[in-house]
Amino acid sequence: MQDDIVQRLKSNPDYQKLVATRSRFGWSLTLAMMVVYYGFILLIAFDKELLATRIGSGVMTWGMPIGLFVIVFTVIITGIYVRRANGEFDELTASIRKQVLQ
């Protein structure tokens, strides 16, 4: 019985679409995060002068807002993933479950 359900699940076109879409979306967000994070690390490694440059006449340097951007970017892309997972992906999963268990 269990093998039959697994085979029906794997052959379901909606399941294949869900896996492909979710994987592509997850890897896209991962790539974006890696570009931002490693870009920041490379900036620290190779252009410390830019990060140490003061903004205006105050005491804040460019390193602070750029570092804050990395943190905020992480929270934003996490929220984007959660919103899509709770919406589109959960709806597709429920539909697939209904189709396979009939």
PDB file of N, CA and C in Angstrom:
ATOM      1  N   MET A   1       0.825  -1.198   0.000  1.00  0.00           N
ATOM      2  CA  MET A   1       0.000   0.000   0.000  1.00  0.00           C
ATOM      3  C   MET A   1       0.865   1.258   0.000  1.00  0.00           C
ATOM      4  N   GLN A   2       1.885   1.290   0.836  1.00  0.00           N
ATOM      5  CA  GLN A   2       2.757   2.454   0.965  1.00  0.00           C
ATOM      6  C   GLN A   2       3.526   2.701  -0.340  1.00  0.00           C
ATOM      7  N   ASP A   3       4.012   1.611  -0.978  1.00  0.00           N
ATOM      8  CA  ASP A   3       4.741   1.765  -2.235  1.00  0.00           C
ATOM      9  C   ASP A   3       3.848   2.312  -3.337  1.00  0.00           C
ATOM     10  N   ASP A   4       2.580   1.915  -3.320  1.00  0.00           N
ATOM     11  CA  ASP A   4       1.622   2.406  -4.300  1.00  0.00           C
ATOM     12  C   ASP A   4       1.422   3.912  -4.153  1.00  0.00           C
ATOM     13  N   ILE A   5       1.312   4.374  -2.942  1.00  0.00           N
ATOM     14  CA  ILE A   5       1.140   5.811  -2.688  1.00  0.00           C
ATOM     15  C   ILE A   5       2.378   6.580  -3.133  1.00  0.00           C
ATOM     16  N   VAL A   6       3.539   6.027  -2.845  1.00  0.00           N
ATOM     17  CA  VAL A   6       4.790   6.687  -3.228  1.00  0.00           C
ATOM     18  C   VAL A   6       4.886   6.783  -4.747  1.00  0.00           C
ATOM     19  N   GLN A   7       4.536   5.715  -5.447  1.00  0.00           N
ATOM     20  CA  GLN A   7       4.585   5.731  -6.909  1.00  0.00           C
ATOM     21  C   GLN A   7       3.579   6.727  -7.499  1.00  0.00           C
ATOM     22  N   ARG A   8       2.378   6.777  -6.931  1.00  0.00           N
ATOM     23  CA  ARG A   8       1.388   7.744  -7.402  1.00  0.00           C
ATOM     24  C   ARG A   8       1.856   9.179  -7.146  1.00  0.00           C
ATOM     25  N   LEU A   9       2.493   9.368  -6.009  1.00  0.00           N
ATOM     26  CA  LEU A   9       3.006  10.697  -5.670  1.00  0.00           C
ATOM     27  C   LEU A   9       4.098  11.114  -6.652  1.00  0.00           C
ATOM     28  N   LYS A  10       5.063  10.236  -6.889  1.00  0.00           N
ATOM     29  CA  LYS A  10       6.172  10.574  -7.785  1.00  0.00           C
ATOM     30  C   LYS A  10       5.730  10.787  -9.223  1.00  0.00           C
ATOM     31  N   SER A  11       4.679  10.121  -9.638  1.00  0.00           N
ATOM     32  CA  SER A  11       4.219  10.263 -11.017  1.00  0.00           C
ATOM     33  C   SER A  11       3.219  11.411 -11.192  1.00  0.00           C
ATOM     34  N   ASN A  12       2.807  12.033 -10.109  1.00  0.00           N
ATOM     35  CA  ASN A  12       1.857  13.140 -10.171  1.00  0.00           C
ATOM     36  C   ASN A  12       2.539  14.371 -10.789  1.00  0.00           C
ATOM     37  N   PRO A  13       1.996  14.932 -11.869  1.00  0.00           N
ATOM     38  CA  PRO A  13       2.627  16.105 -12.497  1.00  0.00           C
ATOM     39  C   PRO A  13       2.661  17.334 -11.588  1.00  0.00           C
ATOM     40  N   ASP A  14       1.665  17.479 -10.728  1.00  0.00           N
ATOM     41  CA  ASP A  14       1.678  18.604  -9.789  1.00  0.00           C
ATOM     42  C   ASP A  14       2.816  18.467  -8.780  1.00  0.00           C
ATOM     43  N   TYR A  15       3.094  17.235  -8.360  1.00  0.00           N
ATOM     44  CA  TYR A  15       4.202  17.003  -7.432  1.00  0.00           C
ATOM     45  C   TYR A  15       5.530  17.353  -8.097  1.00  0.00           C
ATOM     46  N   GLN A  16       5.695  16.925  -9.335  1.00  0.00           N
ATOM     47  CA  GLN A  16       6.926  17.234 -10.062  1.00  0.00           C
ATOM     48  C   GLN A  16       7.086  18.741 -10.248  1.00  0.00           C
ATOM     49  N   LYS A  17       5.967  19.413 -10.509  1.00  0.00           N
ATOM     50  CA  LYS A  17       5.999  20.874 -10.641  1.00  0.00           C
ATOM     51  C   LYS A  17       6.375  21.522  -9.312  1.00  0.00           C
ATOM     52  N   LEU A  18       5.797  21.030  -8.215  1.00  0.00           N
ATOM     53  CA  LEU A  18       6.095  21.568  -6.890  1.00  0.00           C
ATOM     54  C   LEU A  18       7.570  21.416  -6.552  1.00  0.00           C
ATOM     55  N   VAL A  19       8.106  20.234  -6.781  1.00  0.00           N
ATOM     56  CA  VAL A  19       9.518  19.983  -6.458  1.00  0.00           C
ATOM     57  C   VAL A  19      10.418  20.885  -7.290  1.00  0.00           C
ATOM     58  N   ALA A  20      10.143  20.985  -8.588  1.00  0.00           N
ATOM     59  CA  ALA A  20      10.980  21.814  -9.458  1.00  0.00           C
ATOM     60  C   ALA A  20      10.891  23.288  -9.085  1.00  0.00           C
ATOM     61  N   THR A  21       9.669  23.769  -8.864  1.00  0.00           N
ATOM     62  CA  THR A  21       9.470  25.185  -8.536  1.00  0.00           C
ATOM     63  C   THR A  21      10.096  25.540  -7.201  1.00  0.00           C
ATOM     64  N   ARG A  22       9.858  24.712  -6.205  1.00  0.00           N
ATOM     65  CA  ARG A  22      10.397  24.986  -4.869  1.00  0.00           C
ATOM     66  C   ARG A  22      11.920  24.926  -4.866  1.00  0.00           C
ATOM     67  N   SER A  23      12.477  23.970  -5.574  1.00  0.00           N
ATOM     68  CA  SER A  23      13.940  23.859  -5.638  1.00  0.00           C
ATOM     69  C   SER A  23      14.552  25.065  -6.339  1.00  0.00           C
ATOM     70  N   ARG A  24      13.985  25.438  -7.481  1.00  0.00           N
ATOM     71  CA  ARG A  24      14.505  26.580  -8.235  1.00  0.00           C
ATOM     72  C   ARG A  24      14.417  27.858  -7.396  1.00  0.00           C
ATOM     73  N   PHE A  25      13.294  28.050  -6.726  1.00  0.00           N
ATOM     74  CA  PHE A  25      13.095  29.241  -5.895  1.00  0.00           C
ATOM     75  C   PHE A  25      14.078  29.254  -4.718  1.00  0.00           C
ATOM     76  N   GLY A  26      14.214  28.111  -4.064  1.00  0.00           N
ATOM     77  CA  GLY A  26      15.142  28.017  -2.933  1.00  0.00           C
ATOM     78  C   GLY A  26      16.577  28.281  -3.340  1.00  0.00           C
ATOM     79  N   TRP A  27      16.985  27.714  -4.470  1.00  0.00           N
ATOM     80  CA  TRP A  27      18.359  27.939  -4.933  1.00  0.00           C
ATOM     81  C   TRP A  27      18.569  29.379  -5.385  1.00  0.00           C
ATOM     82  N   SER A  28      17.552  29.997  -5.946  1.00  0.00           N
ATOM     83  CA  SER A  28      17.677  31.409  -6.353  1.00  0.00           C
ATOM     84  C   SER A  28      17.899  32.306  -5.137  1.00  0.00           C
ATOM     85  N   LEU A  29      17.121  32.064  -4.086  1.00  0.00           N
ATOM     86  CA  LEU A  29      17.297  32.857  -2.873  1.00  0.00           C
ATOM     87  C   LEU A  29      18.642  32.560  -2.206  1.00  0.00           C
ATOM     88  N   THR A  30      19.056  31.309  -2.263  1.00  0.00           N
ATOM     89  CA  THR A  30      20.368  30.945  -1.709  1.00  0.00           C
ATOM     90  C   THR A  30      21.477  31.669  -2.454  1.00  0.00           C
ATOM     91  N   LEU A  31      21.389  31.687  -3.779  1.00  0.00           N
ATOM     92  CA  LEU A  31      22.399  32.377  -4.586  1.00  0.00           C
ATOM     93  C   LEU A  31      22.418  33.871  -4.257  1.00  0.00           C
ATOM     94  N   ALA A  32      21.239  34.473  -4.153  1.00  0.00           N
ATOM     95  CA  ALA A  32      21.175  35.903  -3.818  1.00  0.00           C
ATOM     96  C   ALA A  32      21.817  36.170  -2.459  1.00  0.00           C
ATOM     97  N   MET A  33      21.528  35.319  -1.481  1.00  0.00           N
ATOM     98  CA  MET A  33      22.103  35.510  -0.147  1.00  0.00           C
ATOM     99  C   MET A  33      23.612  35.338  -0.164  1.00  0.00           C
ATOM    100  N   MET A  34      24.074  34.350  -0.909  1.00  0.00           N
ATOM    101  CA  MET A  34      25.528  34.127  -0.981  1.00  0.00           C
ATOM    102  C   MET A  34      26.243  35.293  -1.658  1.00  0.00           C
ATOM    103  N   VAL A  35      25.638  35.861  -2.702  1.00  0.00           N
ATOM    104  CA  VAL A  35      26.241  37.013  -3.373  1.00  0.00           C
ATOM    105  C   VAL A  35      26.353  38.188  -2.410  1.00  0.00           C
ATOM    106  N   VAL A  36      25.281  38.456  -1.680  1.00  0.00           N
ATOM    107  CA  VAL A  36      25.300  39.577  -0.734  1.00  0.00           C
ATOM    108  C   VAL A  36      26.296  39.315   0.394  1.00  0.00           C
ATOM    109  N   TYR A  37      26.235  38.133   0.998  1.00  0.00           N
ATOM    110  CA  TYR A  37      27.091  37.840   2.140  1.00  0.00           C
ATOM    111  C   TYR A  37      28.564  37.794   1.735  1.00  0.00           C
ATOM    112  N   TYR A  38      28.875  37.014   0.699  1.00  0.00           N
ATOM    113  CA  TYR A  38      30.280  36.908   0.302  1.00  0.00           C
ATOM    114  C   TYR A  38      30.780  38.205  -0.330  1.00  0.00           C
ATOM    115  N   GLY A  39      29.889  38.967  -0.947  1.00  0.00           N
ATOM    116  CA  GLY A  39      30.285  40.290  -1.426  1.00  0.00           C
ATOM    117  C   GLY A  39      30.720  41.182  -0.273  1.00  0.00           C
ATOM    118  N   PHE A  40      29.982  41.112   0.821  1.00  0.00           N
ATOM    119  CA  PHE A  40      30.346  41.880   2.011  1.00  0.00           C
ATOM    120  C   PHE A  40      31.680  41.405   2.581  1.00  0.00           C
ATOM    121  N   ILE A  41      31.861  40.100   2.656  1.00  0.00           N
ATOM    122  CA  ILE A  41      33.123  39.554   3.171  1.00  0.00           C
ATOM    123  C   ILE A  41      34.292  39.953   2.275  1.00  0.00           C
ATOM    124  N   LEU A  42      34.094  39.887   0.950  1.00  0.00           N
ATOM    125  CA  LEU A  42      35.163  40.298   0.029  1.00  0.00           C
ATOM    126  C   LEU A  42      35.438  41.797   0.141  1.00  0.00           C
ATOM    127  N   LEU A  43      34.401  42.569   0.378  1.00  0.00           N
ATOM    128  CA  LEU A  43      34.595  44.003   0.586  1.00  0.00           C
ATOM    129  C   LEU A  43      35.427  44.257   1.839  1.00  0.00           C
ATOM    130  N   ILE A  44      35.153  43.506   2.882  1.00  0.00           N
ATOM    131  CA  ILE A  44      35.950  43.625   4.110  1.00  0.00           C
ATOM    132  C   ILE A  44      37.402  43.248   3.831  1.00  0.00           C
ATOM    133  N   ALA A  45      37.591  42.188   3.056  1.00  0.00           N
ATOM    134  CA  ALA A  45      38.947  41.693   2.803  1.00  0.00           C
ATOM    135  C   ALA A  45      39.746  42.614   1.888  1.00  0.00           C
ATOM    136  N   PHE A  46      39.096  43.192   0.872  1.00  0.00           N
ATOM    137  CA  PHE A  46      39.865  43.891  -0.155  1.00  0.00           C
ATOM    138  C   PHE A  46      39.666  45.401  -0.218  1.00  0.00           C
ATOM    139  N   ASP A  47      38.691  45.947   0.496  1.00  0.00           N
ATOM    140  CA  ASP A  47      38.485  47.397   0.451  1.00  0.00           C
ATOM    141  C   ASP A  47      38.086  47.937   1.819  1.00  0.00           C
ATOM    142  N   LYS A  48      38.957  47.737   2.774  1.00  0.00           N
ATOM    143  CA  LYS A  48      38.694  48.222   4.132  1.00  0.00           C
ATOM    144  C   LYS A  48      38.550  49.744   4.167  1.00  0.00           C
ATOM    145  N   GLU A  49      39.244  50.418   3.257  1.00  0.00           N
ATOM    146  CA  GLU A  49      39.197  51.877   3.240  1.00  0.00           C
ATOM    147  C   GLU A  49      37.785  52.383   2.956  1.00  0.00           C
ATOM    148  N   LEU A  50      37.076  51.710   2.044  1.00  0.00           N
ATOM    149  CA  LEU A  50      35.706  52.122   1.746  1.00  0.00           C
ATOM    150  C   LEU A  50      34.824  51.974   2.981  1.00  0.00           C
ATOM    151  N   LEU A  51      34.953  50.849   3.657  1.00  0.00           N
ATOM    152  CA  LEU A  51      34.133  50.617   4.842  1.00  0.00           C
ATOM    153  C   LEU A  51      34.497  51.560   5.988  1.00  0.00           C
ATOM    154  N   ALA A  52      35.728  52.051   6.000  1.00  0.00           N
ATOM    155  CA  ALA A  52      36.166  52.959   7.057  1.00  0.00           C
ATOM    156  C   ALA A  52      35.892  54.421   6.720  1.00  0.00           C
ATOM    157  N   THR A  53      35.431  54.700   5.510  1.00  0.00           N
ATOM    158  CA  THR A  53      35.149  56.073   5.096  1.00  0.00           C
ATOM    159  C   THR A  53      33.927  56.605   5.854  1.00  0.00           C
ATOM    160  N   ARG A  54      34.087  57.765   6.435  1.00  0.00           N
ATOM    161  CA  ARG A  54      32.990  58.374   7.197  1.00  0.00           C
ATOM    162  C   ARG A  54      31.901  58.889   6.272  1.00  0.00           C
ATOM    163  N   ILE A  55      30.682  58.806   6.772  1.00  0.00           N
ATOM    164  CA  ILE A  55      29.541  59.351   6.051  1.00  0.00           C
ATOM    165  C   ILE A  55      29.316  60.758   6.581  1.00  0.00           C
ATOM    166  N   GLY A  56      29.505  61.740   5.728  1.00  0.00           N
ATOM    167  CA  GLY A  56      29.337  63.136   6.153  1.00  0.00           C
ATOM    168  C   GLY A  56      30.384  63.519   7.186  1.00  0.00           C
ATOM    169  N   SER A  57      29.972  64.360   8.116  1.00  0.00           N
ATOM    170  CA  SER A  57      30.912  64.830   9.140  1.00  0.00           C
ATOM    171  C   SER A  57      30.727  64.093  10.466  1.00  0.00           C
ATOM    172  N   GLY A  58      29.856  63.082  10.471  1.00  0.00           N
ATOM    173  CA  GLY A  58      29.596  62.344  11.707  1.00  0.00           C
ATOM    174  C   GLY A  58      30.628  61.260  11.955  1.00  0.00           C
ATOM    175  N   VAL A  59      30.293  60.365  12.861  1.00  0.00           N
ATOM    176  CA  VAL A  59      31.211  59.291  13.224  1.00  0.00           C
ATOM    177  C   VAL A  59      30.875  57.972  12.521  1.00  0.00           C
ATOM    178  N   MET A  60      29.736  57.913  11.842  1.00  0.00           N
ATOM    179  CA  MET A  60      29.337  56.665  11.187  1.00  0.00           C
ATOM    180  C   MET A  60      30.126  56.462   9.902  1.00  0.00           C
ATOM    181  N   THR A  61      30.552  55.224   9.690  1.00  0.00           N
ATOM    182  CA  THR A  61      31.266  54.878   8.468  1.00  0.00           C
ATOM    183  C   THR A  61      30.352  54.054   7.561  1.00  0.00           C
ATOM    184  N   TRP A  62      30.776  53.836   6.326  1.00  0.00           N
ATOM    185  CA  TRP A  62      29.992  53.071   5.364  1.00  0.00           C
ATOM    186  C   TRP A  62      29.834  51.613   5.784  1.00  0.00           C
ATOM    187  N   GLY A  63      30.706  51.123   6.625  1.00  0.00           N
ATOM    188  CA  GLY A  63      30.619  49.733   7.069  1.00  0.00           C
ATOM    189  C   GLY A  63      29.344  49.425   7.831  1.00  0.00           C
ATOM    190  N   MET A  64      28.853  50.374   8.616  1.00  0.00           N
ATOM    191  CA  MET A  64      27.653  50.146   9.414  1.00  0.00           C
ATOM    192  C   MET A  64      26.392  49.965   8.554  1.00  0.00           C
ATOM    193  N   PRO A  65      26.072  50.883   7.638  1.00  0.00           N
ATOM    194  CA  PRO A  65      24.864  50.663   6.836  1.00  0.00           C
ATOM    195  C   PRO A  65      24.981  49.468   5.891  1.00  0.00           C
ATOM    196  N   ILE A  66      26.175  49.205   5.391  1.00  0.00           N
ATOM    197  CA  ILE A  66      26.337  48.039   4.511  1.00  0.00           C
ATOM    198  C   ILE A  66      26.148  46.755   5.312  1.00  0.00           C
ATOM    199  N   GLY A  67      26.713  46.686   6.507  1.00  0.00           N
ATOM    200  CA  GLY A  67      26.513  45.522   7.374  1.00  0.00           C
ATOM    201  C   GLY A  67      25.054  45.363   7.775  1.00  0.00           C
ATOM    202  N   LEU A  68      24.386  46.465   8.068  1.00  0.00           N
ATOM    203  CA  LEU A  68      22.964  46.427   8.403  1.00  0.00           C
ATOM    204  C   LEU A  68      22.146  45.942   7.205  1.00  0.00           C
ATOM    205  N   PHE A  69      22.539  46.363   6.000  1.00  0.00           N
ATOM    206  CA  PHE A  69      21.860  45.901   4.791  1.00  0.00           C
ATOM    207  C   PHE A  69      21.935  44.376   4.669  1.00  0.00           C
ATOM    208  N   VAL A  70      23.077  43.786   4.961  1.00  0.00           N
ATOM    209  CA  VAL A  70      23.220  42.329   4.883  1.00  0.00           C
ATOM    210  C   VAL A  70      22.234  41.652   5.843  1.00  0.00           C
ATOM    211  N   ILE A  71      22.122  42.168   7.044  1.00  0.00           N
ATOM    212  CA  ILE A  71      21.203  41.591   8.031  1.00  0.00           C
ATOM    213  C   ILE A  71      19.750  41.757   7.591  1.00  0.00           C
ATOM    214  N   VAL A  72      19.389  42.946   7.160  1.00  0.00           N
ATOM    215  CA  VAL A  72      18.016  43.210   6.725  1.00  0.00           C
ATOM    216  C   VAL A  72      17.679  42.386   5.484  1.00  0.00           C
ATOM    217  N   PHE A  73      18.617  42.262   4.561  1.00  0.00           N
ATOM    218  CA  PHE A  73      18.411  41.455   3.360  1.00  0.00           C
ATOM    219  C   PHE A  73      18.102  40.007   3.720  1.00  0.00           C
ATOM    220  N   THR A  74      18.817  39.473   4.709  1.00  0.00           N
ATOM    221  CA  THR A  74      18.573  38.100   5.160  1.00  0.00           C
ATOM    222  C   THR A  74      17.150  37.947   5.686  1.00  0.00           C
ATOM    223  N   VAL A  75      16.710  38.884   6.483  1.00  0.00           N
ATOM    224  CA  VAL A  75      15.349  38.826   7.035  1.00  0.00           C
ATOM    225  C   VAL A  75      14.318  38.940   5.915  1.00  0.00           C
ATOM    226  N   ILE A  76      14.563  39.806   4.957  1.00  0.00           N
ATOM    227  CA  ILE A  76      13.613  40.009   3.859  1.00  0.00           C
ATOM    228  C   ILE A  76      13.485  38.764   2.996  1.00  0.00           C
ATOM    229  N   ILE A  77      14.601  38.145   2.600  1.00  0.00           N
ATOM    230  CA  ILE A  77      14.473  36.972   1.733  1.00  0.00           C
ATOM    231  C   ILE A  77      13.906  35.778   2.498  1.00  0.00           C
ATOM    232  N   THR A  78      14.147  35.724   3.803  1.00  0.00           N
ATOM    233  CA  THR A  78      13.502  34.681   4.611  1.00  0.00           C
ATOM    234  C   THR A  78      11.992  34.896   4.606  1.00  0.00           C
ATOM    235  N   GLY A  79      11.554  36.138   4.773  1.00  0.00           N
ATOM    236  CA  GLY A  79      10.129  36.449   4.731  1.00  0.00           C
ATOM    237  C   GLY A  79       9.509  36.141   3.383  1.00  0.00           C
ATOM    238  N   ILE A  80      10.242  36.420   2.316  1.00  0.00           N
ATOM    239  CA  ILE A  80       9.753  36.110   0.966  1.00  0.00           C
ATOM    240  C   ILE A  80       9.553  34.607   0.813  1.00  0.00           C
ATOM    241  N   TYR A  81      10.520  33.828   1.280  1.00  0.00           N
ATOM    242  CA  TYR A  81      10.391  32.375   1.159  1.00  0.00           C
ATOM    243  C   TYR A  81       9.215  31.860   1.994  1.00  0.00           C
ATOM    244  N   VAL A  82       9.110  32.328   3.217  1.00  0.00           N
ATOM    245  CA  VAL A  82       8.036  31.864   4.105  1.00  0.00           C
ATOM    246  C   VAL A  82       6.669  32.223   3.527  1.00  0.00           C
ATOM    247  N   ARG A  83       6.543  33.416   2.991  1.00  0.00           N
ATOM    248  CA  ARG A  83       5.255  33.830   2.420  1.00  0.00           C
ATOM    249  C   ARG A  83       4.866  32.948   1.236  1.00  0.00           C
ATOM    250  N   ARG A  84       5.821  32.684   0.365  1.00  0.00           N
ATOM    251  CA  ARG A  84       5.514  31.839  -0.797  1.00  0.00           C
ATOM    252  C   ARG A  84       5.272  30.393  -0.373  1.00  0.00           C
ATOM    253  N   ALA A  85       6.042  29.905   0.598  1.00  0.00           N
ATOM    254  CA  ALA A  85       5.864  28.528   1.072  1.00  0.00           C
ATOM    255  C   ALA A  85       4.510  28.358   1.730  1.00  0.00           C
ATOM    256  N   ASN A  86       4.094  29.329   2.530  1.00  0.00           N
ATOM    257  CA  ASN A  86       2.799  29.239   3.220  1.00  0.00           C
ATOM    258  C   ASN A  86       1.624  29.462   2.278  1.00  0.00           C
ATOM    259  N   GLY A  87       1.866  30.060   1.133  1.00  0.00           N
ATOM    260  CA  GLY A  87       0.795  30.305   0.180  1.00  0.00           C
ATOM    261  C   GLY A  87       0.787  29.266  -0.920  1.00  0.00           C
ATOM    262  N   GLU A  88       1.562  29.533  -1.945  1.00  0.00           N
ATOM    263  CA  GLU A  88       1.577  28.700  -3.145  1.00  0.00           C
ATOM    264  C   GLU A  88       1.996  27.255  -2.866  1.00  0.00           C
ATOM    265  N   PHE A  89       3.082  27.063  -2.136  1.00  0.00           N
ATOM    266  CA  PHE A  89       3.594  25.707  -1.930  1.00  0.00           C
ATOM    267  C   PHE A  89       2.665  24.875  -1.051  1.00  0.00           C
ATOM    268  N   ASP A  90       2.086  25.475  -0.027  1.00  0.00           N
ATOM    269  CA  ASP A  90       1.158  24.731   0.834  1.00  0.00           C
ATOM    270  C   ASP A  90      -0.121  24.369   0.087  1.00  0.00           C
ATOM    271  N   GLU A  91      -0.587  25.272  -0.769  1.00  0.00           N
ATOM    272  CA  GLU A  91      -1.788  24.974  -1.558  1.00  0.00           C
ATOM    273  C   GLU A  91      -1.529  23.814  -2.517  1.00  0.00           C
ATOM    274  N   LEU A  92      -0.384  23.844  -3.184  1.00  0.00           N
ATOM    275  CA  LEU A  92      -0.031  22.752  -4.087  1.00  0.00           C
ATOM    276  C   LEU A  92       0.119  21.434  -3.328  1.00  0.00           C
ATOM    277  N   THR A  93       0.723  21.474  -2.156  1.00  0.00           N
ATOM    278  CA  THR A  93       0.901  20.269  -1.346  1.00  0.00           C
ATOM    279  C   THR A  93      -0.448  19.685  -0.939  1.00  0.00           C
ATOM    280  N   ALA A  94      -1.367  20.531  -0.527  1.00  0.00           N
ATOM    281  CA  ALA A  94      -2.697  20.049  -0.136  1.00  0.00           C
ATOM    282  C   ALA A  94      -3.418  19.442  -1.327  1.00  0.00           C
ATOM    283  N   SER A  95      -3.304  20.063  -2.479  1.00  0.00           N
ATOM    284  CA  SER A  95      -3.928  19.543  -3.697  1.00  0.00           C
ATOM    285  C   SER A  95      -3.338  18.187  -4.085  1.00  0.00           C
ATOM    286  N   ILE A  96      -2.042  18.074  -3.993  1.00  0.00           N
ATOM    287  CA  ILE A  96      -1.366  16.810  -4.328  1.00  0.00           C
ATOM    288  C   ILE A  96      -1.786  15.720  -3.347  1.00  0.00           C
ATOM    289  N   ARG A  97      -1.812  16.052  -2.076  1.00  0.00           N
ATOM    290  CA  ARG A  97      -2.210  15.075  -1.060  1.00  0.00           C
ATOM    291  C   ARG A  97      -3.619  14.557  -1.333  1.00  0.00           C
ATOM    292  N   LYS A  98      -4.498  15.469  -1.685  1.00  0.00           N
ATOM    293  CA  LYS A  98      -5.886  15.097  -1.984  1.00  0.00           C
ATOM    294  C   LYS A  98      -5.957  14.163  -3.186  1.00  0.00           C
ATOM    295  N   GLN A  99      -5.192  14.492  -4.241  1.00  0.00           N
ATOM    296  CA  GLN A  99      -5.187  13.676  -5.455  1.00  0.00           C
ATOM    297  C   GLN A  99      -4.613  12.290  -5.217  1.00  0.00           C
ATOM    298  N   VAL A 100      -3.523  12.212  -4.477  1.00  0.00           N
ATOM    299  CA  VAL A 100      -2.825  10.938  -4.279  1.00  0.00           C
ATOM    300  C   VAL A 100      -3.603  10.017  -3.347  1.00  0.00           C
ATOM    301  N   LEU A 101      -4.248  10.559  -2.339  1.00  0.00           N
ATOM    302  CA  LEU A 101      -4.945   9.719  -1.357  1.00  0.00           C
ATOM    303  C   LEU A 101      -6.358   9.332  -1.776  1.00  0.00           C
ATOM    304  N   GLN A 102      -6.790   9.725  -2.941  1.00  0.00           N
ATOM    305  CA  GLN A 102      -8.132   9.347  -3.406  1.00  0.00           C
ATOM    306  C   GLN A 102      -8.176   7.884  -3.820  1.00  0.00           C
TER     307      GLN A 102
END
